Amino acid sequence: MIWHKLYNYFSWIWHKVLHVPIRMAVAEDNHVKNPRLTVVLLHGIAATSYTWRKLYKDVLRDPELKDVRFIALDLLGFGKSPKADWLDYDYDDYARALDESFRRLKINTPVMLMGHSMGALIIANYIAERRPQVFVQAAILVSPPLLMASEMARLPDRVYMNTYASLQHLAKDVPAVDVIARIAERFSNFEKHYLKTQAFASSMENIILNRGNYQTFRKIKIPTVLLHGHFDPLVIGANLRKVAKVNKRLTYQSVIADHDITATKRVRIIREIKKVLKDDE
């Protein structure tokens, strides 16, 4: 506990008082010498870049992707990235950290942004509401938990045991943590030690349950694939289909899968990356 308080204090001095920009930790980078495209990967809540481990192995074995640089980042509060309690863990925090990460990575190619779950929401906000520090050519949003404002208003009265809302509510109760972890681990790669952290609680409130998410998706102006697992208990596919009909830059795709980055999703992801490469020829 004392070390955590000291960490919070000195990180606050470093970043807030001395204005040193905060950035995300780079978990994977294949360091392609002369890449044609850079793919940046963001994982979801209560997880780490380990989410992408199988996809990362798949792309490294594919000769058609030898000219693609793949970078997996740990989101703020998770993995090896800063975990300060003074952070808001809102869209502004994540966007500033993304900008600083891009600056440090010295990316000089077109970029494809790819996010899973909450990472998909962060990317959607970044490309729709901000001026990215890199040239973002396309995006793939895998399993984005897009809720309508009307649905969020009814959350307290619904049976939501298999969704993010229940995790946020029950994580406040110490005896419930193990139950939450078992539920979550059945459907996704949640890591239970994150469930009671400030990063989890604040990200849940400011990102996943943000009432502006649907309107943000309507504002996306670059080609973006919404990839949905047909048996995903954490994502409402009807919402993704609806916003894709409204915004023609969005393409809805559904595969036989659950919430995680399954083999069927990896096949579709690799196909979309190759499509971007082919379009650039």
C-alpha atoms as a PDB file:
ATOM      1  CA  MET A   1       0.000   0.000   0.000  1.00  0.00           C
ATOM      2  CA  ILE A   2       2.766   2.461   0.922  1.00  0.00           C
ATOM      3  CA  TRP A   3       4.574   1.793  -2.354  1.00  0.00           C
ATOM      4  CA  HIS A   4       1.388   2.462  -4.296  1.00  0.00           C
ATOM      5  CA  LYS A   5       0.910   5.794  -2.517  1.00  0.00           C
ATOM      6  CA  LEU A   6       4.525   6.761  -3.207  1.00  0.00           C
ATOM      7  CA  TYR A   7       4.123   5.774  -6.849  1.00  0.00           C
ATOM      8  CA  ASN A   8       1.006   7.938  -7.147  1.00  0.00           C
ATOM      9  CA  TYR A   9       2.746  10.891  -5.511  1.00  0.00           C
ATOM     10  CA  PHE A  10       5.917  10.812  -7.595  1.00  0.00           C
ATOM     11  CA  SER A  11       4.104  10.062 -10.840  1.00  0.00           C
ATOM     12  CA  TRP A  12       1.792  13.016 -10.147  1.00  0.00           C
ATOM     13  CA  ILE A  13       4.838  15.272  -9.649  1.00  0.00           C
ATOM     14  CA  TRP A  14       6.499  13.915 -12.777  1.00  0.00           C
ATOM     15  CA  HIS A  15       3.521  14.174 -15.116  1.00  0.00           C
ATOM     16  CA  LYS A  16       1.287  16.881 -13.631  1.00  0.00           C
ATOM     17  CA  VAL A  17       3.772  19.314 -12.101  1.00  0.00           C
ATOM     18  CA  LEU A  18       6.735  18.825 -14.437  1.00  0.00           C
ATOM     19  CA  HIS A  19       4.435  18.206 -17.438  1.00  0.00           C
ATOM     20  CA  VAL A  20       6.278  15.119 -18.712  1.00  0.00           C
ATOM     21  CA  PRO A  21       3.852  13.520 -21.220  1.00  0.00           C
ATOM     22  CA  ILE A  22       2.481  10.142 -20.206  1.00  0.00           C
ATOM     23  CA  ARG A  23       2.603   7.292 -22.685  1.00  0.00           C
ATOM     24  CA  MET A  24       1.632   3.656 -23.023  1.00  0.00           C
ATOM     25  CA  ALA A  25       4.104   0.803 -22.718  1.00  0.00           C
ATOM     26  CA  VAL A  26       5.090  -1.006 -25.899  1.00  0.00           C
ATOM     27  CA  ALA A  27       4.541  -4.718 -25.324  1.00  0.00           C
ATOM     28  CA  GLU A  28       5.276  -5.953 -28.857  1.00  0.00           C
ATOM     29  CA  ASP A  29       7.010  -4.390 -31.860  1.00  0.00           C
ATOM     30  CA  ASN A  30       8.384  -6.480 -34.724  1.00  0.00           C
ATOM     31  CA  HIS A  31      10.629  -3.582 -35.879  1.00  0.00           C
ATOM     32  CA  VAL A  32      10.206  -3.996 -39.637  1.00  0.00           C
ATOM     33  CA  LYS A  33      13.020  -2.166 -41.403  1.00  0.00           C
ATOM     34  CA  ASN A  34      11.034  -0.498 -44.204  1.00  0.00           C
ATOM     35  CA  PRO A  35       7.348  -1.065 -43.427  1.00  0.00           C
ATOM     36  CA  ARG A  36       4.546  -0.270 -45.838  1.00  0.00           C
ATOM     37  CA  LEU A  37       1.962  -0.166 -43.077  1.00  0.00           C
ATOM     38  CA  THR A  38       1.947   0.043 -39.265  1.00  0.00           C
ATOM     39  CA  VAL A  39      -0.770  -1.760 -37.321  1.00  0.00           C
ATOM     40  CA  VAL A  40      -1.261  -0.553 -33.734  1.00  0.00           C
ATOM     41  CA  LEU A  41      -3.151  -2.860 -31.363  1.00  0.00           C
ATOM     42  CA  LEU A  42      -5.089  -1.831 -28.233  1.00  0.00           C
ATOM     43  CA  HIS A  43      -6.571  -4.421 -25.863  1.00  0.00           C
ATOM     44  CA  GLY A  44      -9.692  -4.146 -23.704  1.00  0.00           C
ATOM     45  CA  ILE A  45     -10.494  -3.443 -20.077  1.00  0.00           C
ATOM     46  CA  ALA A  46      -8.995  -5.618 -17.306  1.00  0.00           C
ATOM     47  CA  ALA A  47      -6.647  -7.190 -19.849  1.00  0.00           C
ATOM     48  CA  THR A  48      -3.219  -6.614 -21.420  1.00  0.00           C
ATOM     49  CA  SER A  49      -1.597  -6.827 -24.835  1.00  0.00           C
ATOM     50  CA  TYR A  50      -1.470 -10.598 -24.227  1.00  0.00           C
ATOM     51  CA  THR A  51      -4.926 -10.437 -25.832  1.00  0.00           C
ATOM     52  CA  TRP A  52      -3.201 -10.292 -29.217  1.00  0.00           C
ATOM     53  CA  ARG A  53      -0.650 -13.087 -28.677  1.00  0.00           C
ATOM     54  CA  LYS A  54      -2.153 -15.548 -31.204  1.00  0.00           C
ATOM     55  CA  LEU A  55      -2.796 -12.888 -33.832  1.00  0.00           C
ATOM     56  CA  TYR A  56       0.771 -11.625 -33.400  1.00  0.00           C
ATOM     57  CA  LYS A  57       2.131 -15.127 -34.007  1.00  0.00           C
ATOM     58  CA  ASP A  58      -0.120 -15.579 -37.037  1.00  0.00           C
ATOM     59  CA  VAL A  59       0.998 -12.382 -38.748  1.00  0.00           C
ATOM     60  CA  LEU A  60       4.684 -13.031 -38.117  1.00  0.00           C
ATOM     61  CA  ARG A  61       4.339 -16.369 -39.921  1.00  0.00           C
ATOM     62  CA  ASP A  62       2.550 -14.874 -42.923  1.00  0.00           C
ATOM     63  CA  PRO A  63       4.983 -13.899 -45.726  1.00  0.00           C
ATOM     64  CA  GLU A  64       2.427 -11.518 -47.230  1.00  0.00           C
ATOM     65  CA  LEU A  65       2.657  -9.407 -44.074  1.00  0.00           C
ATOM     66  CA  LYS A  66       6.457  -9.222 -43.874  1.00  0.00           C
ATOM     67  CA  ASP A  67       6.347  -5.493 -44.694  1.00  0.00           C
ATOM     68  CA  VAL A  68       3.866  -4.654 -41.939  1.00  0.00           C
ATOM     69  CA  ARG A  69       4.994  -3.338 -38.572  1.00  0.00           C
ATOM     70  CA  PHE A  70       2.849  -4.587 -35.673  1.00  0.00           C
ATOM     71  CA  ILE A  71       2.862  -2.702 -32.369  1.00  0.00           C
ATOM     72  CA  ALA A  72       0.875  -3.822 -29.320  1.00  0.00           C
ATOM     73  CA  LEU A  73       0.426  -1.271 -26.536  1.00  0.00           C
ATOM     74  CA  ASP A  74      -0.702  -1.750 -22.946  1.00  0.00           C
ATOM     75  CA  LEU A  75      -3.502   0.656 -22.072  1.00  0.00           C
ATOM     76  CA  LEU A  76      -3.071   3.062 -19.174  1.00  0.00           C
ATOM     77  CA  GLY A  77      -3.690   1.253 -15.906  1.00  0.00           C
ATOM     78  CA  PHE A  78      -3.008  -2.201 -17.341  1.00  0.00           C
ATOM     79  CA  GLY A  79      -0.021  -4.347 -18.242  1.00  0.00           C
ATOM     80  CA  LYS A  80       3.254  -2.438 -18.070  1.00  0.00           C
ATOM     81  CA  SER A  81       1.734   1.013 -18.583  1.00  0.00           C
ATOM     82  CA  PRO A  82       1.419   3.650 -15.810  1.00  0.00           C
ATOM     83  CA  LYS A  83      -1.205   2.814 -13.168  1.00  0.00           C
ATOM     84  CA  ALA A  84      -1.677   6.107 -11.328  1.00  0.00           C
ATOM     85  CA  ASP A  85      -4.891   6.648  -9.363  1.00  0.00           C
ATOM     86  CA  TRP A  86      -4.867  10.370 -10.164  1.00  0.00           C
ATOM     87  CA  LEU A  87      -5.536   9.650 -13.834  1.00  0.00           C
ATOM     88  CA  ASP A  88      -9.136  10.035 -14.999  1.00  0.00           C
ATOM     89  CA  TYR A  89      -8.847   7.109 -17.441  1.00  0.00           C
ATOM     90  CA  ASP A  90     -11.119   8.946 -19.831  1.00  0.00           C
ATOM     91  CA  TYR A  91     -10.885   9.556 -23.566  1.00  0.00           C
ATOM     92  CA  ASP A  92      -8.640  12.598 -23.090  1.00  0.00           C
ATOM     93  CA  ASP A  93      -6.110  10.624 -21.025  1.00  0.00           C
ATOM     94  CA  TYR A  94      -5.984   7.785 -23.526  1.00  0.00           C
ATOM     95  CA  ALA A  95      -5.750  10.140 -26.524  1.00  0.00           C
ATOM     96  CA  ARG A  96      -2.830  12.084 -25.018  1.00  0.00           C
ATOM     97  CA  ALA A  97      -1.072   8.820 -24.180  1.00  0.00           C
ATOM     98  CA  LEU A  98      -1.624   7.577 -27.727  1.00  0.00           C
ATOM     99  CA  ASP A  99      -0.206  10.774 -29.204  1.00  0.00           C
ATOM    100  CA  GLU A 100       2.900  10.564 -27.025  1.00  0.00           C
ATOM    101  CA  SER A 101       3.317   6.865 -27.803  1.00  0.00           C
ATOM    102  CA  PHE A 102       3.142   7.568 -31.526  1.00  0.00           C
ATOM    103  CA  ARG A 103       5.686  10.356 -31.168  1.00  0.00           C
ATOM    104  CA  ARG A 104       8.137   8.076 -29.366  1.00  0.00           C
ATOM    105  CA  LEU A 105       7.615   5.241 -31.858  1.00  0.00           C
ATOM    106  CA  LYS A 106       8.510   7.515 -34.798  1.00  0.00           C
ATOM    107  CA  ILE A 107       5.867   6.066 -37.095  1.00  0.00           C
ATOM    108  CA  ASN A 108       6.279   7.329 -40.662  1.00  0.00           C
ATOM    109  CA  THR A 109       3.906   5.031 -42.548  1.00  0.00           C
ATOM    110  CA  PRO A 110       0.147   4.894 -42.955  1.00  0.00           C
ATOM    111  CA  VAL A 111      -1.436   3.386 -39.848  1.00  0.00           C
ATOM    112  CA  MET A 112      -4.198   0.892 -39.233  1.00  0.00           C
ATOM    113  CA  LEU A 113      -5.604   1.107 -35.705  1.00  0.00           C
ATOM    114  CA  MET A 114      -7.060  -2.061 -34.232  1.00  0.00           C
ATOM    115  CA  GLY A 115      -8.831  -2.307 -30.899  1.00  0.00           C
ATOM    116  CA  HIS A 116     -10.535  -5.051 -28.960  1.00  0.00           C
ATOM    117  CA  SER A 117     -13.491  -4.354 -26.674  1.00  0.00           C
ATOM    118  CA  MET A 118     -12.764  -1.124 -24.732  1.00  0.00           C
ATOM    119  CA  GLY A 119      -9.707  -0.585 -26.927  1.00  0.00           C
ATOM    120  CA  ALA A 120     -12.095  -0.401 -29.881  1.00  0.00           C
ATOM    121  CA  LEU A 121     -14.070   2.368 -28.176  1.00  0.00           C
ATOM    122  CA  ILE A 122     -10.863   4.308 -27.485  1.00  0.00           C
ATOM    123  CA  ILE A 123      -9.845   4.056 -31.135  1.00  0.00           C
ATOM    124  CA  ALA A 124     -13.322   5.085 -32.339  1.00  0.00           C
ATOM    125  CA  ASN A 125     -13.161   8.218 -30.203  1.00  0.00           C
ATOM    126  CA  TYR A 126      -9.585   8.939 -31.277  1.00  0.00           C
ATOM    127  CA  ILE A 127     -10.313   8.851 -35.007  1.00  0.00           C
ATOM    128  CA  ALA A 128     -13.720  10.547 -34.782  1.00  0.00           C
ATOM    129  CA  GLU A 129     -13.138  13.315 -32.246  1.00  0.00           C
ATOM    130  CA  ARG A 130      -9.390  14.063 -32.414  1.00  0.00           C
ATOM    131  CA  ARG A 131      -6.695  15.039 -34.854  1.00  0.00           C
ATOM    132  CA  PRO A 132      -4.470  11.935 -34.861  1.00  0.00           C
ATOM    133  CA  GLN A 133      -0.711  12.458 -34.713  1.00  0.00           C
ATOM    134  CA  VAL A 134      -0.283   9.860 -37.459  1.00  0.00           C
ATOM    135  CA  PHE A 135      -2.002   9.197 -40.781  1.00  0.00           C
ATOM    136  CA  VAL A 136      -4.697   6.678 -39.868  1.00  0.00           C
ATOM    137  CA  GLN A 137      -5.733   4.933 -43.072  1.00  0.00           C
ATOM    138  CA  ALA A 138      -8.169   2.375 -41.679  1.00  0.00           C
ATOM    139  CA  ALA A 139      -9.404   0.799 -38.452  1.00  0.00           C
ATOM    140  CA  ILE A 140     -10.695  -2.529 -37.218  1.00  0.00           C
ATOM    141  CA  LEU A 141     -12.869  -2.444 -34.112  1.00  0.00           C
ATOM    142  CA  VAL A 142     -13.191  -5.945 -32.681  1.00  0.00           C
ATOM    143  CA  SER A 143     -16.076  -6.600 -30.277  1.00  0.00           C
ATOM    144  CA  PRO A 144     -16.781  -2.952 -29.387  1.00  0.00           C
ATOM    145  CA  PRO A 145     -19.317  -2.881 -26.503  1.00  0.00           C
ATOM    146  CA  LEU A 146     -21.447  -0.154 -28.044  1.00  0.00           C
ATOM    147  CA  LEU A 147     -24.429   0.641 -25.819  1.00  0.00           C
ATOM    148  CA  MET A 148     -27.230   3.058 -26.644  1.00  0.00           C
ATOM    149  CA  ALA A 149     -27.960   5.854 -24.186  1.00  0.00           C
ATOM    150  CA  SER A 150     -31.458   4.449 -23.625  1.00  0.00           C
ATOM    151  CA  GLU A 151     -29.989   1.031 -22.750  1.00  0.00           C
ATOM    152  CA  MET A 152     -27.586   2.522 -20.232  1.00  0.00           C
ATOM    153  CA  ALA A 153     -30.448   4.314 -18.522  1.00  0.00           C
ATOM    154  CA  ARG A 154     -32.073   0.923 -17.872  1.00  0.00           C
ATOM    155  CA  LEU A 155     -28.934  -0.930 -16.748  1.00  0.00           C
ATOM    156  CA  PRO A 156     -29.689  -0.878 -12.993  1.00  0.00           C
ATOM    157  CA  ASP A 157     -33.012  -2.675 -13.611  1.00  0.00           C
ATOM    158  CA  ARG A 158     -31.662  -5.372 -15.933  1.00  0.00           C
ATOM    159  CA  VAL A 159     -30.174  -8.772 -15.298  1.00  0.00           C
ATOM    160  CA  TYR A 160     -26.664  -7.992 -16.535  1.00  0.00           C
ATOM    161  CA  MET A 161     -24.577 -10.720 -14.875  1.00  0.00           C
ATOM    162  CA  ASN A 162     -22.668 -11.507 -18.055  1.00  0.00           C
ATOM    163  CA  THR A 163     -21.844  -7.918 -18.987  1.00  0.00           C
ATOM    164  CA  TYR A 164     -19.458  -5.141 -18.117  1.00  0.00           C
ATOM    165  CA  ALA A 165     -22.080  -3.298 -16.080  1.00  0.00           C
ATOM    166  CA  SER A 166     -22.297  -6.116 -13.557  1.00  0.00           C
ATOM    167  CA  LEU A 167     -18.523  -6.163 -13.207  1.00  0.00           C
ATOM    168  CA  GLN A 168     -18.456  -2.480 -12.329  1.00  0.00           C
ATOM    169  CA  HIS A 169     -21.277  -2.820  -9.819  1.00  0.00           C
ATOM    170  CA  LEU A 170     -20.130  -6.016  -8.116  1.00  0.00           C
ATOM    171  CA  ALA A 171     -16.420  -5.220  -7.987  1.00  0.00           C
ATOM    172  CA  LYS A 172     -17.158  -2.863  -5.091  1.00  0.00           C
ATOM    173  CA  ASP A 173     -18.144  -5.880  -2.983  1.00  0.00           C
ATOM    174  CA  VAL A 174     -15.062  -7.816  -1.836  1.00  0.00           C
ATOM    175  CA  PRO A 175     -16.758 -11.246  -1.563  1.00  0.00           C
ATOM    176  CA  ALA A 176     -18.032 -10.895  -5.135  1.00  0.00           C
ATOM    177  CA  VAL A 177     -14.629 -10.536  -6.769  1.00  0.00           C
ATOM    178  CA  ASP A 178     -14.056 -14.260  -7.260  1.00  0.00           C
ATOM    179  CA  VAL A 179     -17.551 -14.686  -8.665  1.00  0.00           C
ATOM    180  CA  ILE A 180     -16.979 -11.803 -11.071  1.00  0.00           C
ATOM    181  CA  ALA A 181     -13.660 -13.243 -12.154  1.00  0.00           C
ATOM    182  CA  ARG A 182     -15.172 -16.643 -12.899  1.00  0.00           C
ATOM    183  CA  ILE A 183     -17.973 -15.088 -14.939  1.00  0.00           C
ATOM    184  CA  ALA A 184     -15.605 -12.818 -16.845  1.00  0.00           C
ATOM    185  CA  GLU A 185     -13.009 -15.481 -17.527  1.00  0.00           C
ATOM    186  CA  ARG A 186     -15.686 -17.647 -19.112  1.00  0.00           C
ATOM    187  CA  PHE A 187     -16.325 -15.060 -21.791  1.00  0.00           C
ATOM    188  CA  SER A 188     -13.133 -13.053 -22.154  1.00  0.00           C
ATOM    189  CA  ASN A 189      -9.489 -12.667 -21.177  1.00  0.00           C
ATOM    190  CA  PHE A 190     -10.142 -10.493 -18.121  1.00  0.00           C
ATOM    191  CA  GLU A 191      -7.459 -10.632 -15.449  1.00  0.00           C
ATOM    192  CA  LYS A 192      -9.232 -10.625 -12.096  1.00  0.00           C
ATOM    193  CA  HIS A 193      -6.601  -8.610 -10.197  1.00  0.00           C
ATOM    194  CA  TYR A 194      -7.601  -5.552 -12.249  1.00  0.00           C
ATOM    195  CA  LEU A 195     -11.271  -5.672 -11.255  1.00  0.00           C
ATOM    196  CA  LYS A 196     -10.849  -3.589  -8.093  1.00  0.00           C
ATOM    197  CA  THR A 197      -8.378  -1.042  -9.483  1.00  0.00           C
ATOM    198  CA  GLN A 198      -9.018   2.634 -10.125  1.00  0.00           C
ATOM    199  CA  ALA A 199      -8.230   2.055 -13.806  1.00  0.00           C
ATOM    200  CA  PHE A 200     -11.031  -0.497 -14.082  1.00  0.00           C
ATOM    201  CA  ALA A 201     -13.655   1.585 -12.261  1.00  0.00           C
ATOM    202  CA  SER A 202     -12.842   4.849 -14.049  1.00  0.00           C
ATOM    203  CA  SER A 203     -12.480   3.269 -17.497  1.00  0.00           C
ATOM    204  CA  MET A 204     -15.808   1.538 -17.016  1.00  0.00           C
ATOM    205  CA  GLU A 205     -17.556   4.791 -16.155  1.00  0.00           C
ATOM    206  CA  ASN A 206     -15.773   7.111 -18.599  1.00  0.00           C
ATOM    207  CA  ILE A 207     -15.319   4.826 -21.609  1.00  0.00           C
ATOM    208  CA  ILE A 208     -17.604   1.785 -21.722  1.00  0.00           C
ATOM    209  CA  LEU A 209     -20.607   3.483 -20.140  1.00  0.00           C
ATOM    210  CA  ASN A 210     -20.044   6.802 -21.908  1.00  0.00           C
ATOM    211  CA  ARG A 211     -23.372   7.987 -23.287  1.00  0.00           C
ATOM    212  CA  GLY A 212     -21.730   9.642 -26.290  1.00  0.00           C
ATOM    213  CA  ASN A 213     -20.264   6.459 -27.794  1.00  0.00           C
ATOM    214  CA  TYR A 214     -23.009   5.874 -30.352  1.00  0.00           C
ATOM    215  CA  GLN A 215     -22.758   9.418 -31.710  1.00  0.00           C
ATOM    216  CA  THR A 216     -18.971   9.036 -31.860  1.00  0.00           C
ATOM    217  CA  PHE A 217     -19.307   5.991 -34.120  1.00  0.00           C
ATOM    218  CA  ARG A 218     -21.551   8.027 -36.405  1.00  0.00           C
ATOM    219  CA  LYS A 219     -18.728  10.570 -36.864  1.00  0.00           C
ATOM    220  CA  ILE A 220     -16.008   8.149 -38.001  1.00  0.00           C
ATOM    221  CA  LYS A 221     -14.723   9.250 -41.413  1.00  0.00           C
ATOM    222  CA  ILE A 222     -12.222   6.530 -42.369  1.00  0.00           C
ATOM    223  CA  PRO A 223     -12.906   2.955 -43.560  1.00  0.00           C
ATOM    224  CA  THR A 224     -13.625   0.977 -40.396  1.00  0.00           C
ATOM    225  CA  VAL A 225     -14.606  -2.650 -39.889  1.00  0.00           C
ATOM    226  CA  LEU A 226     -16.848  -3.554 -36.947  1.00  0.00           C
ATOM    227  CA  LEU A 227     -16.039  -7.207 -36.241  1.00  0.00           C
ATOM    228  CA  HIS A 228     -18.577  -8.983 -34.050  1.00  0.00           C
ATOM    229  CA  GLY A 229     -18.628 -12.495 -32.606  1.00  0.00           C
ATOM    230  CA  HIS A 230     -22.045 -14.010 -33.154  1.00  0.00           C
ATOM    231  CA  PHE A 231     -22.028 -15.597 -29.675  1.00  0.00           C
ATOM    232  CA  ASP A 232     -20.517 -12.651 -27.827  1.00  0.00           C
ATOM    233  CA  PRO A 233     -22.446 -12.107 -24.556  1.00  0.00           C
ATOM    234  CA  LEU A 234     -20.787  -8.730 -23.934  1.00  0.00           C
ATOM    235  CA  VAL A 235     -21.648  -6.951 -27.198  1.00  0.00           C
ATOM    236  CA  ILE A 236     -25.051  -6.130 -28.684  1.00  0.00           C
ATOM    237  CA  GLY A 237     -24.701  -6.887 -32.379  1.00  0.00           C
ATOM    238  CA  ALA A 238     -27.886  -5.026 -33.279  1.00  0.00           C
ATOM    239  CA  ASN A 239     -26.286  -1.755 -32.177  1.00  0.00           C
ATOM    240  CA  LEU A 240     -23.287  -2.328 -34.434  1.00  0.00           C
ATOM    241  CA  ARG A 241     -25.520  -3.165 -37.376  1.00  0.00           C
ATOM    242  CA  LYS A 242     -27.599  -0.046 -36.750  1.00  0.00           C
ATOM    243  CA  VAL A 243     -24.679   2.376 -36.655  1.00  0.00           C
ATOM    244  CA  ALA A 244     -23.140   0.741 -39.746  1.00  0.00           C
ATOM    245  CA  LYS A 245     -26.333   1.491 -41.661  1.00  0.00           C
ATOM    246  CA  VAL A 246     -26.171   5.134 -40.591  1.00  0.00           C
ATOM    247  CA  ASN A 247     -22.448   5.658 -41.249  1.00  0.00           C
ATOM    248  CA  LYS A 248     -21.387   4.271 -44.618  1.00  0.00           C
ATOM    249  CA  ARG A 249     -17.702   4.363 -43.647  1.00  0.00           C
ATOM    250  CA  LEU A 250     -18.426   1.500 -41.271  1.00  0.00           C
ATOM    251  CA  THR A 251     -18.662  -2.120 -42.363  1.00  0.00           C
ATOM    252  CA  TYR A 252     -20.320  -4.634 -40.067  1.00  0.00           C
ATOM    253  CA  GLN A 253     -18.983  -8.187 -40.134  1.00  0.00           C
ATOM    254  CA  SER A 254     -20.077 -11.110 -37.989  1.00  0.00           C
ATOM    255  CA  VAL A 255     -18.265 -14.407 -37.478  1.00  0.00           C
ATOM    256  CA  ILE A 256     -18.874 -17.519 -35.406  1.00  0.00           C
ATOM    257  CA  ALA A 257     -17.033 -16.500 -32.246  1.00  0.00           C
ATOM    258  CA  ASP A 258     -17.388 -15.192 -28.714  1.00  0.00           C
ATOM    259  CA  HIS A 259     -15.806 -12.046 -27.263  1.00  0.00           C
ATOM    260  CA  ASP A 260     -12.127 -12.915 -27.603  1.00  0.00           C
ATOM    261  CA  ILE A 261      -9.735 -12.829 -30.559  1.00  0.00           C
ATOM    262  CA  THR A 262     -10.650 -16.308 -31.799  1.00  0.00           C
ATOM    263  CA  ALA A 263      -9.319 -18.120 -34.880  1.00  0.00           C
ATOM    264  CA  THR A 264     -12.310 -17.003 -36.966  1.00  0.00           C
ATOM    265  CA  LYS A 265     -11.703 -13.384 -36.010  1.00  0.00           C
ATOM    266  CA  ARG A 266      -7.985 -13.658 -36.711  1.00  0.00           C
ATOM    267  CA  VAL A 267      -8.667 -14.940 -40.213  1.00  0.00           C
ATOM    268  CA  ARG A 268     -10.975 -11.992 -40.900  1.00  0.00           C
ATOM    269  CA  ILE A 269      -8.512  -9.490 -39.380  1.00  0.00           C
ATOM    270  CA  ILE A 270      -5.622 -10.735 -41.522  1.00  0.00           C
ATOM    271  CA  ARG A 271      -7.817 -10.568 -44.615  1.00  0.00           C
ATOM    272  CA  GLU A 272      -8.645  -6.918 -43.869  1.00  0.00           C
ATOM    273  CA  ILE A 273      -4.970  -6.020 -43.362  1.00  0.00           C
ATOM    274  CA  LYS A 274      -4.084  -7.589 -46.699  1.00  0.00           C
ATOM    275  CA  LYS A 275      -6.936  -5.690 -48.338  1.00  0.00           C
ATOM    276  CA  VAL A 276      -5.465  -2.389 -47.146  1.00  0.00           C
ATOM    277  CA  LEU A 277      -2.041  -3.403 -48.472  1.00  0.00           C
ATOM    278  CA  LYS A 278      -3.531  -4.333 -51.834  1.00  0.00           C
ATOM    279  CA  ASP A 279      -5.422  -1.045 -52.088  1.00  0.00           C
ATOM    280  CA  ASP A 280      -2.106   0.790 -51.694  1.00  0.00           C
ATOM    281  CA  GLU A 281      -0.414  -1.000 -54.602  1.00  0.00           C
END
